[in-house]
PDB file of N, CA and C in Angstrom:
ATOM      1  N   MET A   1      91.587  68.303-125.044  1.00  0.00           N
ATOM      2  CA  MET A   1      92.922  67.931-126.400  1.00  0.00           C
ATOM      3  C   MET A   1      93.108  66.359-126.027  1.00  0.00           C
ATOM      4  N   LYS A   2      92.882  66.454-124.380  1.00  0.00           N
ATOM      5  CA  LYS A   2      92.828  64.801-124.289  1.00  0.00           C
ATOM      6  C   LYS A   2      91.299  63.734-124.582  1.00  0.00           C
ATOM      7  N   LYS A   3      90.153  64.303-124.894  1.00  0.00           N
ATOM      8  CA  LYS A   3      89.791  64.112-125.074  1.00  0.00           C
ATOM      9  C   LYS A   3      88.850  63.568-126.967  1.00  0.00           C
ATOM     10  N   LYS A   4      89.401  64.169-127.458  1.00  0.00           N
ATOM     11  CA  LYS A   4      89.332  64.388-128.786  1.00  0.00           C
ATOM     12  C   LYS A   4      90.963  62.716-128.963  1.00  0.00           C
ATOM     13  N   THR A   5      91.320  63.353-128.670  1.00  0.00           N
ATOM     14  CA  THR A   5      92.825  61.736-128.749  1.00  0.00           C
ATOM     15  C   THR A   5      91.761  61.038-128.510  1.00  0.00           C
ATOM     16  N   ILE A   6      91.981  60.540-126.985  1.00  0.00           N
ATOM     17  CA  ILE A   6      90.802  59.351-126.767  1.00  0.00           C
ATOM     18  C   ILE A   6      89.816  58.747-127.616  1.00  0.00           C
ATOM     19  N   SER A   7      88.440  59.953-128.093  1.00  0.00           N
ATOM     20  CA  SER A   7      87.528  59.116-129.162  1.00  0.00           C
ATOM     21  C   SER A   7      88.227  59.248-130.484  1.00  0.00           C
ATOM     22  N   LEU A   8      89.210  60.062-130.903  1.00  0.00           N
ATOM     23  CA  LEU A   8      90.066  59.260-132.116  1.00  0.00           C
ATOM     24  C   LEU A   8      90.577  57.665-131.863  1.00  0.00           C
ATOM     25  N   ILE A   9      91.703  57.273-130.845  1.00  0.00           N
ATOM     26  CA  ILE A   9      92.139  56.214-130.145  1.00  0.00           C
ATOM     27  C   ILE A   9      90.550  54.935-130.429  1.00  0.00           C
ATOM     28  N   LEU A  10      89.876  55.506-130.200  1.00  0.00           N
ATOM     29  CA  LEU A  10      88.315  54.727-129.889  1.00  0.00           C
ATOM     30  C   LEU A  10      88.250  53.892-131.389  1.00  0.00           C
ATOM     31  N   ALA A  11      87.860  54.975-131.627  1.00  0.00           N
ATOM     32  CA  ALA A  11      87.108  54.958-133.098  1.00  0.00           C
ATOM     33  C   ALA A  11      88.486  54.353-134.229  1.00  0.00           C
ATOM     34  N   LEU A  12      89.686  54.561-133.850  1.00  0.00           N
ATOM     35  CA  LEU A  12      90.499  53.332-134.585  1.00  0.00           C
ATOM     36  C   LEU A  12      90.538  52.446-134.115  1.00  0.00           C
ATOM     37  N   ILE A  13      90.526  51.941-133.212  1.00  0.00           N
ATOM     38  CA  ILE A  13      89.892  50.462-133.012  1.00  0.00           C
ATOM     39  C   ILE A  13      89.016  50.175-133.195  1.00  0.00           C
ATOM     40  N   LEU A  14      87.516  50.204-133.007  1.00  0.00           N
ATOM     41  CA  LEU A  14      86.743  50.446-133.855  1.00  0.00           C
ATOM     42  C   LEU A  14      86.410  50.022-135.026  1.00  0.00           C
ATOM     43  N   LEU A  15      86.938  50.566-135.789  1.00  0.00           N
ATOM     44  CA  LEU A  15      87.540  50.203-136.869  1.00  0.00           C
ATOM     45  C   LEU A  15      88.261  49.145-137.953  1.00  0.00           C
ATOM     46  N   LEU A  16      88.919  49.369-136.880  1.00  0.00           N
ATOM     47  CA  LEU A  16      90.149  47.650-136.877  1.00  0.00           C
ATOM     48  C   LEU A  16      89.322  46.743-136.794  1.00  0.00           C
ATOM     49  N   SER A  17      88.774  46.191-135.600  1.00  0.00           N
ATOM     50  CA  SER A  17      87.966  45.237-134.815  1.00  0.00           C
ATOM     51  C   SER A  17      87.272  45.408-136.447  1.00  0.00           C
ATOM     52  N   CYS A  18      86.320  46.090-137.092  1.00  0.00           N
ATOM     53  CA  CYS A  18      85.242  45.619-137.895  1.00  0.00           C
ATOM     54  C   CYS A  18      86.084  45.187-139.886  1.00  0.00           C
ATOM     55  N   SER A  19      87.206  45.680-139.474  1.00  0.00           N
ATOM     56  CA  SER A  19      87.874  45.118-140.430  1.00  0.00           C
ATOM     57  C   SER A  19      88.348  43.865-140.392  1.00  0.00           C
ATOM     58  N   ALA A  20      89.241  43.578-139.293  1.00  0.00           N
ATOM     59  CA  ALA A  20      89.165  42.092-139.005  1.00  0.00           C
ATOM     60  C   ALA A  20      87.847  40.762-139.010  1.00  0.00           C
ATOM     61  N   THR A  21      87.098  41.079-138.489  1.00  0.00           N
ATOM     62  CA  THR A  21      85.788  40.609-138.867  1.00  0.00           C
ATOM     63  C   THR A  21      85.131  40.483-139.979  1.00  0.00           C
ATOM     64  N   ALA A  22      85.853  41.657-140.880  1.00  0.00           N
ATOM     65  CA  ALA A  22      84.837  41.214-142.469  1.00  0.00           C
ATOM     66  C   ALA A  22      85.851  39.815-142.836  1.00  0.00           C
ATOM     67  N   GLN A  23      86.773  40.190-142.812  1.00  0.00           N
ATOM     68  CA  GLN A  23      87.841  38.997-143.325  1.00  0.00           C
ATOM     69  C   GLN A  23      88.030  38.221-143.180  1.00  0.00           C
ATOM     70  N   ALA A  24      87.355  37.625-141.592  1.00  0.00           N
ATOM     71  CA  ALA A  24      87.288  36.677-140.832  1.00  0.00           C
ATOM     72  C   ALA A  24      86.077  35.787-141.783  1.00  0.00           C
ATOM     73  N   THR A  25      85.326  36.789-141.827  1.00  0.00           N
ATOM     74  CA  THR A  25      83.892  35.908-143.437  1.00  0.00           C
ATOM     75  C   THR A  25      83.766  35.570-144.160  1.00  0.00           C
ATOM     76  N   SER A  26      85.266  36.683-144.650  1.00  0.00           N
ATOM     77  CA  SER A  26      85.065  35.859-146.351  1.00  0.00           C
ATOM     78  C   SER A  26      85.593  34.757-145.968  1.00  0.00           C
ATOM     79  N   VAL A  27      87.107  34.448-145.479  1.00  0.00           N
ATOM     80  CA  VAL A  27      87.575  33.270-145.090  1.00  0.00           C
ATOM     81  C   VAL A  27      86.428  32.441-145.327  1.00  0.00           C
ATOM     82  N   GLN A  28      85.880  32.664-144.330  1.00  0.00           N
ATOM     83  CA  GLN A  28      84.059  31.737-144.420  1.00  0.00           C
ATOM     84  C   GLN A  28      82.982  31.464-145.425  1.00  0.00           C
ATOM     85  N   ALA A  29      83.029  32.577-146.159  1.00  0.00           N
ATOM     86  CA  ALA A  29      82.302  32.245-146.546  1.00  0.00           C
ATOM     87  C   ALA A  29      82.415  32.030-148.472  1.00  0.00           C
ATOM     88  N   ALA A  30      84.018  31.643-148.431  1.00  0.00           N
ATOM     89  CA  ALA A  30      84.638  31.060-149.226  1.00  0.00           C
ATOM     90  C   ALA A  30      84.421  29.539-149.708  1.00  0.00           C
ATOM     91  N   THR A  31      84.308  28.726-148.125  1.00  0.00           N
ATOM     92  CA  THR A  31      84.564  27.651-148.446  1.00  0.00           C
ATOM     93  C   THR A  31      83.557  27.693-147.859  1.00  0.00           C
ATOM     94  N   PRO A  32      82.892  25.699-147.964  1.00  0.00           N
ATOM     95  CA  PRO A  32      83.197  24.467-148.562  1.00  0.00           C
ATOM     96  C   PRO A  32      83.054  24.964-150.103  1.00  0.00           C
ATOM     97  N   SER A  33      84.007  23.634-151.010  1.00  0.00           N
ATOM     98  CA  SER A  33      83.117  24.025-151.995  1.00  0.00           C
ATOM     99  C   SER A  33      83.886  21.973-153.023  1.00  0.00           C
ATOM    100  N   ALA A  34      82.770  21.639-153.447  1.00  0.00           N
ATOM    101  CA  ALA A  34      82.801  21.116-154.271  1.00  0.00           C
ATOM    102  C   ALA A  34      82.968  21.094-155.725  1.00  0.00           C
ATOM    103  N   SER A  35      83.377  19.908-156.728  1.00  0.00           N
ATOM    104  CA  SER A  35      83.456  20.504-158.572  1.00  0.00           C
ATOM    105  C   SER A  35      83.875  18.886-158.718  1.00  0.00           C
ATOM    106  N   ILE A  36      82.805  18.772-159.855  1.00  0.00           N
ATOM    107  CA  ILE A  36      82.861  18.268-160.855  1.00  0.00           C
ATOM    108  C   ILE A  36      83.663  18.342-162.411  1.00  0.00           C
ATOM    109  N   THR A  37      84.299  17.902-162.735  1.00  0.00           N
ATOM    110  CA  THR A  37      84.694  18.097-164.225  1.00  0.00           C
ATOM    111  C   THR A  37      84.572  17.029-165.251  1.00  0.00           C
ATOM    112  N   ILE A  38      84.198  16.757-166.280  1.00  0.00           N
ATOM    113  CA  ILE A  38      84.356  15.577-167.230  1.00  0.00           C
ATOM    114  C   ILE A  38      85.401  16.052-168.249  1.00  0.00           C
ATOM    115  N   ASN A  39      86.328  15.077-168.667  1.00  0.00           N
ATOM    116  CA  ASN A  39      86.610  16.004-169.748  1.00  0.00           C
ATOM    117  C   ASN A  39      87.355  14.345-170.599  1.00  0.00           C
ATOM    118  N   GLY A  40      86.241  14.384-171.486  1.00  0.00           N
ATOM    119  CA  GLY A  40      85.690  12.871-172.469  1.00  0.00           C
ATOM    120  C   GLY A  40      85.168  12.047-171.096  1.00  0.00           C
ATOM    121  N   THR A  41      85.654  11.073-171.168  1.00  0.00           N
ATOM    122  CA  THR A  41      85.333   9.322-170.352  1.00  0.00           C
ATOM    123  C   THR A  41      85.952  10.065-168.465  1.00  0.00           C
ATOM    124  N   THR A  42      86.770  10.903-168.392  1.00  0.00           N
ATOM    125  CA  THR A  42      87.191  10.844-167.449  1.00  0.00           C
ATOM    126  C   THR A  42      86.553  12.021-167.045  1.00  0.00           C
ATOM    127  N   ALA A  43      86.035  11.767-165.393  1.00  0.00           N
ATOM    128  CA  ALA A  43      85.192  12.564-164.098  1.00  0.00           C
ATOM    129  C   ALA A  43      86.666  13.007-163.333  1.00  0.00           C
ATOM    130  N   THR A  44      86.897  14.186-162.951  1.00  0.00           N
ATOM    131  CA  THR A  44      87.655  14.309-161.896  1.00  0.00           C
ATOM    132  C   THR A  44      87.007  15.388-160.976  1.00  0.00           C
ATOM    133  N   CYS A  45      86.832  14.673-160.120  1.00  0.00           N
ATOM    134  CA  CYS A  45      86.374  15.394-158.135  1.00  0.00           C
ATOM    135  C   CYS A  45      87.056  15.948-157.308  1.00  0.00           C
ATOM    136  N   ARG A  46      86.632  17.442-156.983  1.00  0.00           N
ATOM    137  CA  ARG A  46      87.713  17.707-156.199  1.00  0.00           C
ATOM    138  C   ARG A  46      86.383  18.348-154.645  1.00  0.00           C
ATOM    139  N   VAL A  47      87.256  18.016-153.971  1.00  0.00           N
ATOM    140  CA  VAL A  47      86.620  19.222-152.323  1.00  0.00           C
ATOM    141  C   VAL A  47      87.499  19.538-151.948  1.00  0.00           C
ATOM    142  N   SER A  48      87.180  21.495-151.251  1.00  0.00           N
ATOM    143  CA  SER A  48      88.275  21.628-150.239  1.00  0.00           C
ATOM    144  C   SER A  48      87.522  22.164-148.933  1.00  0.00           C
ATOM    145  N   ILE A  49      87.889  22.756-147.985  1.00  0.00           N
ATOM    146  CA  ILE A  49      87.581  23.069-147.299  1.00  0.00           C
ATOM    147  C   ILE A  49      88.059  23.495-146.295  1.00  0.00           C
ATOM    148  N   ALA A  50      87.822  24.769-145.599  1.00  0.00           N
ATOM    149  CA  ALA A  50      89.156  25.298-145.261  1.00  0.00           C
ATOM    150  C   ALA A  50      88.147  26.155-144.023  1.00  0.00           C
ATOM    151  N   LYS A  51      89.135  25.275-142.964  1.00  0.00           N
ATOM    152  CA  LYS A  51      87.807  26.029-141.675  1.00  0.00           C
ATOM    153  C   LYS A  51      89.642  26.079-140.335  1.00  0.00           C
ATOM    154  N   PRO A  52      89.540  28.006-140.489  1.00  0.00           N
ATOM    155  CA  PRO A  52      91.282  28.052-139.915  1.00  0.00           C
ATOM    156  C   PRO A  52      90.663  27.443-137.958  1.00  0.00           C
ATOM    157  N   GLY A  53      91.746  27.048-137.756  1.00  0.00           N
ATOM    158  CA  GLY A  53      92.016  26.277-136.893  1.00  0.00           C
ATOM    159  C   GLY A  53      91.191  24.600-135.844  1.00  0.00           C
ATOM    160  N   LYS A  54      90.215  24.491-136.989  1.00  0.00           N
ATOM    161  CA  LYS A  54      89.783  23.219-136.621  1.00  0.00           C
ATOM    162  C   LYS A  54      90.497  22.027-137.461  1.00  0.00           C
ATOM    163  N   THR A  55      89.805  20.804-137.234  1.00  0.00           N
ATOM    164  CA  THR A  55      90.156  19.780-137.828  1.00  0.00           C
ATOM    165  C   THR A  55      89.268  19.245-138.365  1.00  0.00           C
ATOM    166  N   ILE A  56      89.232  19.096-139.664  1.00  0.00           N
ATOM    167  CA  ILE A  56      88.420  18.731-140.366  1.00  0.00           C
ATOM    168  C   ILE A  56      89.197  16.849-141.157  1.00  0.00           C
ATOM    169  N   HIS A  57      87.518  15.369-141.435  1.00  0.00           N
ATOM    170  CA  HIS A  57      87.955  15.272-141.778  1.00  0.00           C
ATOM    171  C   HIS A  57      86.540  14.763-142.848  1.00  0.00           C
ATOM    172  N   ALA A  58      86.690  13.688-143.841  1.00  0.00           N
ATOM    173  CA  ALA A  58      86.293  13.918-145.467  1.00  0.00           C
ATOM    174  C   ALA A  58      86.516  13.077-146.210  1.00  0.00           C
ATOM    175  N   THR A  59      85.035  13.031-146.355  1.00  0.00           N
ATOM    176  CA  THR A  59      85.075  11.982-147.570  1.00  0.00           C
ATOM    177  C   THR A  59      84.466  12.429-148.913  1.00  0.00           C
ATOM    178  N   LEU A  60      85.194  12.583-150.097  1.00  0.00           N
ATOM    179  CA  LEU A  60      84.589  13.004-150.926  1.00  0.00           C
ATOM    180  C   LEU A  60      84.115  11.095-151.863  1.00  0.00           C
ATOM    181  N   GLN A  61      82.472  11.438-152.565  1.00  0.00           N
ATOM    182  CA  GLN A  61      82.927  10.523-153.299  1.00  0.00           C
ATOM    183  C   GLN A  61      81.261  10.663-154.159  1.00  0.00           C
ATOM    184  N   LEU A  62      81.630   9.799-155.210  1.00  0.00           N
ATOM    185  CA  LEU A  62      81.732  10.405-157.071  1.00  0.00           C
ATOM    186  C   LEU A  62      80.635   8.733-157.235  1.00  0.00           C
ATOM    187  N   TRP A  63      79.047   9.101-157.424  1.00  0.00           N
ATOM    188  CA  TRP A  63      77.551   8.989-157.566  1.00  0.00           C
ATOM    189  C   TRP A  63      77.153   8.995-159.139  1.00  0.00           C
ATOM    190  N   GLN A  64      76.617   7.788-159.375  1.00  0.00           N
ATOM    191  CA  GLN A  64      75.742   7.744-160.070  1.00  0.00           C
ATOM    192  C   GLN A  64      74.445   7.293-160.039  1.00  0.00           C
ATOM    193  N   GLY A  65      73.484   8.167-160.746  1.00  0.00           N
ATOM    194  CA  GLY A  65      72.203   7.785-160.361  1.00  0.00           C
ATOM    195  C   GLY A  65      72.528   7.748-158.195  1.00  0.00           C
ATOM    196  N   ARG A  66      72.017   6.638-157.945  1.00  0.00           N
ATOM    197  CA  ARG A  66      71.783   5.967-156.568  1.00  0.00           C
ATOM    198  C   ARG A  66      73.182   4.619-156.585  1.00  0.00           C
ATOM    199  N   THR A  67      74.047   5.219-157.921  1.00  0.00           N
ATOM    200  CA  THR A  67      74.768   4.277-156.698  1.00  0.00           C
ATOM    201  C   THR A  67      76.742   4.737-156.294  1.00  0.00           C
ATOM    202  N   MET A  68      76.654   4.826-155.825  1.00  0.00           N
ATOM    203  CA  MET A  68      78.307   5.142-155.268  1.00  0.00           C
ATOM    204  C   MET A  68      79.197   4.915-156.079  1.00  0.00           C
ATOM    205  N   ILE A  69      79.959   4.976-156.700  1.00  0.00           N
ATOM    206  CA  ILE A  69      81.500   4.599-157.860  1.00  0.00           C
ATOM    207  C   ILE A  69      82.553   4.671-157.493  1.00  0.00           C
ATOM    208  N   ASP A  70      82.782   5.314-156.345  1.00  0.00           N
ATOM    209  CA  ASP A  70      84.202   5.275-155.804  1.00  0.00           C
ATOM    210  C   ASP A  70      84.292   6.313-154.698  1.00  0.00           C
ATOM    211  N   SER A  71      84.829   6.004-154.100  1.00  0.00           N
ATOM    212  CA  SER A  71      84.841   7.785-153.184  1.00  0.00           C
ATOM    213  C   SER A  71      87.154   7.561-152.933  1.00  0.00           C
ATOM    214  N   TRP A  72      87.248   8.663-152.158  1.00  0.00           N
ATOM    215  CA  TRP A  72      88.210   9.561-151.790  1.00  0.00           C
ATOM    216  C   TRP A  72      88.420   9.884-150.329  1.00  0.00           C
ATOM    217  N   SER A  73      89.640  10.031-149.149  1.00  0.00           N
ATOM    218  CA  SER A  73      88.891   9.956-147.892  1.00  0.00           C
ATOM    219  C   SER A  73      90.130  11.023-147.913  1.00  0.00           C
ATOM    220  N   GLY A  74      89.543  12.029-146.773  1.00  0.00           N
ATOM    221  CA  GLY A  74      91.512  12.957-145.852  1.00  0.00           C
ATOM    222  C   GLY A  74      90.850  13.364-145.392  1.00  0.00           C
ATOM    223  N   ASN A  75      92.224  13.794-144.505  1.00  0.00           N
ATOM    224  CA  ASN A  75      92.306  14.945-143.113  1.00  0.00           C
ATOM    225  C   ASN A  75      93.539  15.316-142.899  1.00  0.00           C
ATOM    226  N   GLY A  76      92.367  17.159-142.313  1.00  0.00           N
ATOM    227  CA  GLY A  76      94.024  17.999-142.241  1.00  0.00           C
ATOM    228  C   GLY A  76      93.018  18.583-141.035  1.00  0.00           C
ATOM    229  N   THR A  77      94.301  19.931-140.496  1.00  0.00           N
ATOM    230  CA  THR A  77      93.847  20.884-139.980  1.00  0.00           C
ATOM    231  C   THR A  77      93.513  22.162-140.164  1.00  0.00           C
ATOM    232  N   SER A  78      93.208  22.771-140.508  1.00  0.00           N
ATOM    233  CA  SER A  78      92.432  24.047-141.114  1.00  0.00           C
ATOM    234  C   SER A  78      92.184  24.204-142.408  1.00  0.00           C
ATOM    235  N   TYR A  79      91.946  23.301-143.189  1.00  0.00           N
ATOM    236  CA  TYR A  79      92.945  23.314-144.380  1.00  0.00           C
ATOM    237  C   TYR A  79      91.931  21.215-145.153  1.00  0.00           C
ATOM    238  N   LEU A  80      91.830  21.380-145.722  1.00  0.00           N
ATOM    239  CA  LEU A  80      91.775  20.252-146.693  1.00  0.00           C
ATOM    240  C   LEU A  80      91.003  20.018-147.990  1.00  0.00           C
ATOM    241  N   LEU A  81      92.176  19.589-149.077  1.00  0.00           N
ATOM    242  CA  LEU A  81      91.230  19.208-150.303  1.00  0.00           C
ATOM    243  C   LEU A  81      91.984  17.900-150.698  1.00  0.00           C
ATOM    244  N   ILE A  82      91.181  17.039-151.337  1.00  0.00           N
ATOM    245  CA  ILE A  82      91.406  16.261-151.883  1.00  0.00           C
ATOM    246  C   ILE A  82      90.150  15.793-153.085  1.00  0.00           C
ATOM    247  N   THR A  83      91.330  15.343-154.432  1.00  0.00           N
ATOM    248  CA  THR A  83      90.960  15.470-155.353  1.00  0.00           C
ATOM    249  C   THR A  83      91.166  13.817-156.172  1.00  0.00           C
ATOM    250  N   GLY A  84      90.383  13.193-156.951  1.00  0.00           N
ATOM    251  CA  GLY A  84      90.720  12.033-157.181  1.00  0.00           C
ATOM    252  C   GLY A  84      89.220  11.783-159.248  1.00  0.00           C
ATOM    253  N   SER A  85      90.185  10.652-159.665  1.00  0.00           N
ATOM    254  CA  SER A  85      89.125  10.603-161.232  1.00  0.00           C
ATOM    255  C   SER A  85      88.509   9.110-161.202  1.00  0.00           C
ATOM    256  N   HIS A  86      88.389   9.312-162.632  1.00  0.00           N
ATOM    257  CA  HIS A  86      87.399   7.899-161.938  1.00  0.00           C
ATOM    258  C   HIS A  86      86.708   7.594-163.857  1.00  0.00           C
ATOM    259  N   GLU A  87      86.841   6.687-164.208  1.00  0.00           N
ATOM    260  CA  GLU A  87      86.746   6.853-165.908  1.00  0.00           C
ATOM    261  C   GLU A  87      85.211   6.443-165.859  1.00  0.00           C
ATOM    262  N   VAL A  88      84.748   7.385-167.129  1.00  0.00           N
ATOM    263  CA  VAL A  88      83.122   7.610-166.328  1.00  0.00           C
ATOM    264  C   VAL A  88      82.729   6.893-167.879  1.00  0.00           C
ATOM    265  N   THR A  89      80.946   6.950-168.046  1.00  0.00           N
ATOM    266  CA  THR A  89      80.811   6.444-169.411  1.00  0.00           C
ATOM    267  C   THR A  89      79.276   7.714-169.896  1.00  0.00           C
ATOM    268  N   LYS A  90      79.976   8.429-171.249  1.00  0.00           N
ATOM    269  CA  LYS A  90      79.002   9.328-172.050  1.00  0.00           C
ATOM    270  C   LYS A  90      77.537   9.025-171.968  1.00  0.00           C
ATOM    271  N   GLY A  91      76.943  10.128-171.604  1.00  0.00           N
ATOM    272  CA  GLY A  91      75.411   9.991-171.486  1.00  0.00           C
ATOM    273  C   GLY A  91      74.629   9.775-170.487  1.00  0.00           C
ATOM    274  N   LYS A  92      75.719   9.629-169.231  1.00  0.00           N
ATOM    275  CA  LYS A  92      75.835   9.620-167.996  1.00  0.00           C
ATOM    276  C   LYS A  92      75.776  11.002-167.410  1.00  0.00           C
ATOM    277  N   THR A  93      74.992  11.434-165.807  1.00  0.00           N
ATOM    278  CA  THR A  93      74.678  11.833-165.159  1.00  0.00           C
ATOM    279  C   THR A  93      75.413  11.535-163.640  1.00  0.00           C
ATOM    280  N   TYR A  94      76.894  12.760-163.283  1.00  0.00           N
ATOM    281  CA  TYR A  94      77.670  12.339-162.180  1.00  0.00           C
ATOM    282  C   TYR A  94      77.086  13.175-160.915  1.00  0.00           C
ATOM    283  N   THR A  95      77.583  13.031-160.083  1.00  0.00           N
ATOM    284  CA  THR A  95      77.300  13.734-158.858  1.00  0.00           C
ATOM    285  C   THR A  95      77.963  13.283-157.583  1.00  0.00           C
ATOM    286  N   VAL A  96      78.988  14.661-157.145  1.00  0.00           N
ATOM    287  CA  VAL A  96      79.827  14.087-155.882  1.00  0.00           C
ATOM    288  C   VAL A  96      79.251  15.050-155.096  1.00  0.00           C
ATOM    289  N   LYS A  97      79.283  13.820-154.001  1.00  0.00           N
ATOM    290  CA  LYS A  97      78.945  14.357-152.502  1.00  0.00           C
ATOM    291  C   LYS A  97      79.478  13.859-151.702  1.00  0.00           C
ATOM    292  N   VAL A  98      79.881  14.974-150.325  1.00  0.00           N
ATOM    293  CA  VAL A  98      81.220  15.696-149.274  1.00  0.00           C
ATOM    294  C   VAL A  98      80.201  14.943-148.148  1.00  0.00           C
ATOM    295  N   VAL A  99      80.492  13.543-147.461  1.00  0.00           N
ATOM    296  CA  VAL A  99      80.087  13.833-146.098  1.00  0.00           C
ATOM    297  C   VAL A  99      81.430  13.978-145.546  1.00  0.00           C
ATOM    298  N   CYS A 100      81.388  14.984-144.628  1.00  0.00           N
ATOM    299  CA  CYS A 100      81.743  15.961-143.578  1.00  0.00           C
ATOM    300  C   CYS A 100      81.784  15.994-142.325  1.00  0.00           C
ATOM    301  N   THR A 101      82.852  15.916-141.260  1.00  0.00           N
ATOM    302  CA  THR A 101      82.766  16.491-139.993  1.00  0.00           C
ATOM    303  C   THR A 101      84.232  17.716-139.800  1.00  0.00           C
ATOM    304  N   VAL A 102      83.311  18.778-138.696  1.00  0.00           N
ATOM    305  CA  VAL A 102      84.677  19.839-138.201  1.00  0.00           C
ATOM    306  C   VAL A 102      84.956  19.214-137.609  1.00  0.00           C
ATOM    307  N   ASP A 103      85.649  19.492-136.388  1.00  0.00           N
ATOM    308  CA  ASP A 103      85.938  19.072-134.784  1.00  0.00           C
ATOM    309  C   ASP A 103      84.775  17.950-134.960  1.00  0.00           C
ATOM    310  N   GLY A 104      84.349  16.926-135.105  1.00  0.00           N
ATOM    311  CA  GLY A 104      83.010  16.443-134.681  1.00  0.00           C
ATOM    312  C   GLY A 104      81.744  15.918-135.342  1.00  0.00           C
ATOM    313  N   GLN A 105      81.697  17.661-135.599  1.00  0.00           N
ATOM    314  CA  GLN A 105      80.238  17.887-136.212  1.00  0.00           C
ATOM    315  C   GLN A 105      80.231  17.981-137.657  1.00  0.00           C
ATOM    316  N   SER A 106      78.950  17.420-137.897  1.00  0.00           N
ATOM    317  CA  SER A 106      79.016  17.449-139.767  1.00  0.00           C
ATOM    318  C   SER A 106      78.979  18.806-139.516  1.00  0.00           C
ATOM    319  N   PHE A 107      79.370  18.532-140.982  1.00  0.00           N
ATOM    320  CA  PHE A 107      79.191  19.794-141.879  1.00  0.00           C
ATOM    321  C   PHE A 107      79.131  19.512-143.956  1.00  0.00           C
ATOM    322  N   TYR A 108      78.501  20.498-143.445  1.00  0.00           N
ATOM    323  CA  TYR A 108      77.873  19.947-144.952  1.00  0.00           C
ATOM    324  C   TYR A 108      78.133  20.374-146.012  1.00  0.00           C
ATOM    325  N   VAL A 109      78.068  20.350-147.435  1.00  0.00           N
ATOM    326  CA  VAL A 109      79.115  20.495-148.566  1.00  0.00           C
ATOM    327  C   VAL A 109      78.394  20.446-149.806  1.00  0.00           C
ATOM    328  N   ASN A 110      77.735  21.373-149.868  1.00  0.00           N
ATOM    329  CA  ASN A 110      76.959  20.875-151.110  1.00  0.00           C
ATOM    330  C   ASN A 110      77.726  20.537-152.802  1.00  0.00           C
ATOM    331  N   PRO A 111      76.722  19.308-152.643  1.00  0.00           N
ATOM    332  CA  PRO A 111      77.075  18.896-154.040  1.00  0.00           C
ATOM    333  C   PRO A 111      76.921  19.367-155.300  1.00  0.00           C
ATOM    334  N   ALA A 112      77.973  18.746-156.349  1.00  0.00           N
ATOM    335  CA  ALA A 112      78.239  19.137-157.885  1.00  0.00           C
ATOM    336  C   ALA A 112      77.819  18.036-158.427  1.00  0.00           C
ATOM    337  N   THR A 113      77.156  18.456-159.568  1.00  0.00           N
ATOM    338  CA  THR A 113      76.422  17.562-161.169  1.00  0.00           C
ATOM    339  C   THR A 113      77.146  17.513-162.373  1.00  0.00           C
ATOM    340  N   ALA A 114      77.389  16.681-163.080  1.00  0.00           N
ATOM    341  CA  ALA A 114      77.698  17.149-164.364  1.00  0.00           C
ATOM    342  C   ALA A 114      77.031  16.329-165.182  1.00  0.00           C
ATOM    343  N   THR A 115      77.537  15.518-166.829  1.00  0.00           N
ATOM    344  CA  THR A 115      77.009  14.901-167.654  1.00  0.00           C
ATOM    345  C   THR A 115      78.186  14.538-168.199  1.00  0.00           C
ATOM    346  N   ALA A 116      78.457  13.417-168.531  1.00  0.00           N
ATOM    347  CA  ALA A 116      79.177  12.779-169.170  1.00  0.00           C
ATOM    348  C   ALA A 116      79.062  13.149-171.052  1.00  0.00           C
TER     349      ALA A 116
END
C-alpha cells in the first residue's frame, strides 16, 4: 500500500512539472511580434515583447526601402509594448524592424512589411 501511494505521488509531481513547462513554453512561443497596418496614408507600427523577469530595451523602426523614416523606443521589465504612427505614401512598401536587447543580449524580432 505504501509503495502505491508513493508511486501515485511521484506520478502526480511529474505530471504537474510537465504542465508548468508546457505553459512556460507557450508564453515564450507567443512572443515577440512586430506588425504594421496601413489605413489610408497612416501606418501604425507595433511590437510586443514578453520575457518574464527580464529587462527589455527596444527600438521600433519604420523603413521605406533603405531609408529609416521614423522610430520609437521603450524599456520594460517582463513585457514591453511600443506603438507609433507615421504618414506614408500610397503605392510604397514599408517595413517595421526592431532592434532589441533582453538582459543586455541582442534579441531578434521578425520584421513586418505592408504596402500603402
